[in-house]
Amino acid sequence: MKYVLIFFMLGFPIGVIAQQLTNIESVEYDPVQSRFLVSNGNRVIEVDGDGQPVGYFGTAPRADFGMEVMDGKLFTIVSSSVRAYDLATSLQVMNTPVSGAQFLNGMA
């Protein structure tokens, strides 16, 4: 039991450090779940109403160059593609490459 406790004590700070907001690209508000979604480096982090990171949004979503919340989905820009994730499940529901685009940046 002592080793299990030590493992969790050592592992917890690593998880907290991984969710620090250090490389913010864009922020969107999800009014249904009262949270902010922050693109931070190569991950999307959920932030509560007090500004505290509470975890990652799903396991794969990236938003390297912009995001938008609309119609229950989080739309993101990754390189020359627009992806969409269901806000309730965080599952990817769309991945559309934009032909001829070399660098998409920003979404409105």
Protein backbone atom coordinates (compact mmCIF):
# COMPACT_ATOMS: atom_id res chain seq x y z
CA MET A 1 0.00 0.00 0.00
CA LYS A 2 2.86 2.35 0.80
CA TYR A 3 4.24 1.95 -2.74
CA VAL A 4 0.86 2.66 -4.31
CA LEU A 5 0.59 5.89 -2.31
CA ILE A 6 4.12 6.93 -3.33
CA PHE A 7 3.30 6.18 -6.99
CA PHE A 8 0.22 8.43 -6.92
CA MET A 9 2.08 11.18 -5.07
CA LEU A 10 4.81 11.17 -7.72
CA GLY A 11 2.44 10.79 -10.67
CA PHE A 12 -0.05 13.52 -9.69
CA PRO A 13 2.35 16.47 -10.12
CA ILE A 14 3.27 15.23 -13.59
CA GLY A 15 -0.40 15.31 -14.63
CA VAL A 16 -0.84 18.80 -13.20
CA ILE A 17 2.28 20.12 -14.96
CA ALA A 18 1.10 18.63 -18.25
CA GLN A 19 -2.09 20.71 -18.06
CA GLN A 20 -0.47 24.09 -17.44
CA LEU A 21 -1.45 26.85 -19.83
CA THR A 22 1.89 27.82 -21.34
CA ASN A 23 1.42 27.93 -25.12
CA ILE A 24 -2.10 29.26 -25.75
CA GLU A 25 -3.21 29.68 -29.36
CA SER A 26 -6.96 30.26 -28.94
CA VAL A 27 -9.82 30.04 -26.44
CA GLU A 28 -13.49 29.17 -26.97
CA TYR A 29 -16.38 29.04 -24.50
CA ASP A 30 -18.74 26.05 -24.37
CA PRO A 31 -21.97 27.49 -22.88
CA VAL A 32 -23.69 24.11 -22.55
CA GLN A 33 -21.07 22.70 -20.20
CA SER A 34 -19.92 26.09 -18.79
CA ARG A 35 -16.27 25.60 -19.65
CA PHE A 36 -13.53 27.16 -21.70
CA LEU A 37 -11.61 25.13 -24.25
CA VAL A 38 -8.03 26.28 -24.65
CA SER A 39 -5.70 25.18 -27.43
CA ASN A 40 -2.42 24.82 -25.60
CA GLY A 41 0.45 23.58 -27.70
CA ASN A 42 -0.78 20.43 -29.36
CA ARG A 43 -3.67 19.64 -26.96
CA VAL A 44 -7.02 21.15 -26.04
CA ILE A 45 -7.44 21.71 -22.30
CA GLU A 46 -10.75 22.18 -20.47
CA VAL A 47 -10.73 25.14 -18.08
CA ASP A 48 -13.44 25.76 -15.50
CA GLY A 49 -15.18 29.08 -14.83
CA ASP A 50 -12.53 30.00 -12.25
CA GLY A 51 -9.76 29.70 -14.83
CA GLN A 52 -8.39 26.42 -13.50
CA PRO A 53 -7.35 23.64 -15.91
CA VAL A 54 -9.41 20.55 -15.15
CA GLY A 55 -8.25 18.11 -17.82
CA TYR A 56 -7.81 17.44 -21.46
CA PHE A 57 -10.69 17.60 -23.91
CA GLY A 58 -10.75 14.05 -25.26
CA THR A 59 -7.64 12.16 -26.25
CA ALA A 60 -6.77 13.37 -29.75
CA PRO A 61 -8.16 16.87 -30.46
CA ARG A 62 -5.63 19.44 -31.65
CA ALA A 63 -6.21 23.07 -32.52
CA ASP A 64 -2.88 24.37 -33.69
CA PHE A 65 -4.16 27.47 -35.48
CA GLY A 66 -7.69 28.26 -34.31
CA MET A 67 -10.98 26.98 -32.89
CA GLU A 68 -14.68 27.77 -32.96
CA VAL A 69 -17.62 26.35 -30.96
CA MET A 70 -20.79 26.03 -33.02
CA ASP A 71 -23.82 23.73 -33.11
CA GLY A 72 -22.54 21.39 -30.39
CA LYS A 73 -19.16 20.94 -32.03
CA LEU A 74 -15.63 22.20 -31.57
CA PHE A 75 -14.15 23.08 -34.96
CA THR A 76 -10.36 23.22 -35.08
CA ILE A 77 -7.67 24.05 -37.61
CA VAL A 78 -4.72 21.70 -37.88
CA SER A 79 -2.30 22.48 -40.69
CA SER A 80 -4.48 22.62 -43.83
CA SER A 81 -7.48 20.71 -42.42
CA VAL A 82 -10.61 21.66 -40.53
CA ARG A 83 -11.67 19.09 -37.95
CA ALA A 84 -14.79 18.92 -35.80
CA TYR A 85 -15.32 17.19 -32.46
CA ASP A 86 -18.59 16.54 -30.70
CA LEU A 87 -18.62 18.66 -27.52
CA ALA A 88 -20.49 16.04 -25.50
CA THR A 89 -18.29 13.05 -26.37
CA SER A 90 -15.09 14.72 -27.71
CA LEU A 91 -15.14 12.26 -30.62
CA GLN A 92 -13.99 13.49 -34.02
CA VAL A 93 -16.95 13.82 -36.38
CA MET A 94 -15.29 15.58 -39.32
CA ASN A 95 -11.89 15.98 -40.96
CA THR A 96 -11.92 18.11 -44.11
CA PRO A 97 -8.68 18.95 -45.90
CA VAL A 98 -8.83 22.36 -47.60
CA SER A 99 -7.37 21.81 -51.05
CA GLY A 100 -4.80 24.35 -52.11
CA ALA A 101 -4.34 25.69 -48.56
CA GLN A 102 -0.81 25.87 -47.34
CA PHE A 103 -1.34 27.47 -43.92
CA LEU A 104 -4.75 28.10 -42.39
CA ASN A 105 -4.64 30.41 -39.38
CA GLY A 106 -7.67 31.61 -37.45
CA MET A 107 -11.34 30.76 -37.68
CA ALA A 108 -14.44 32.93 -37.37
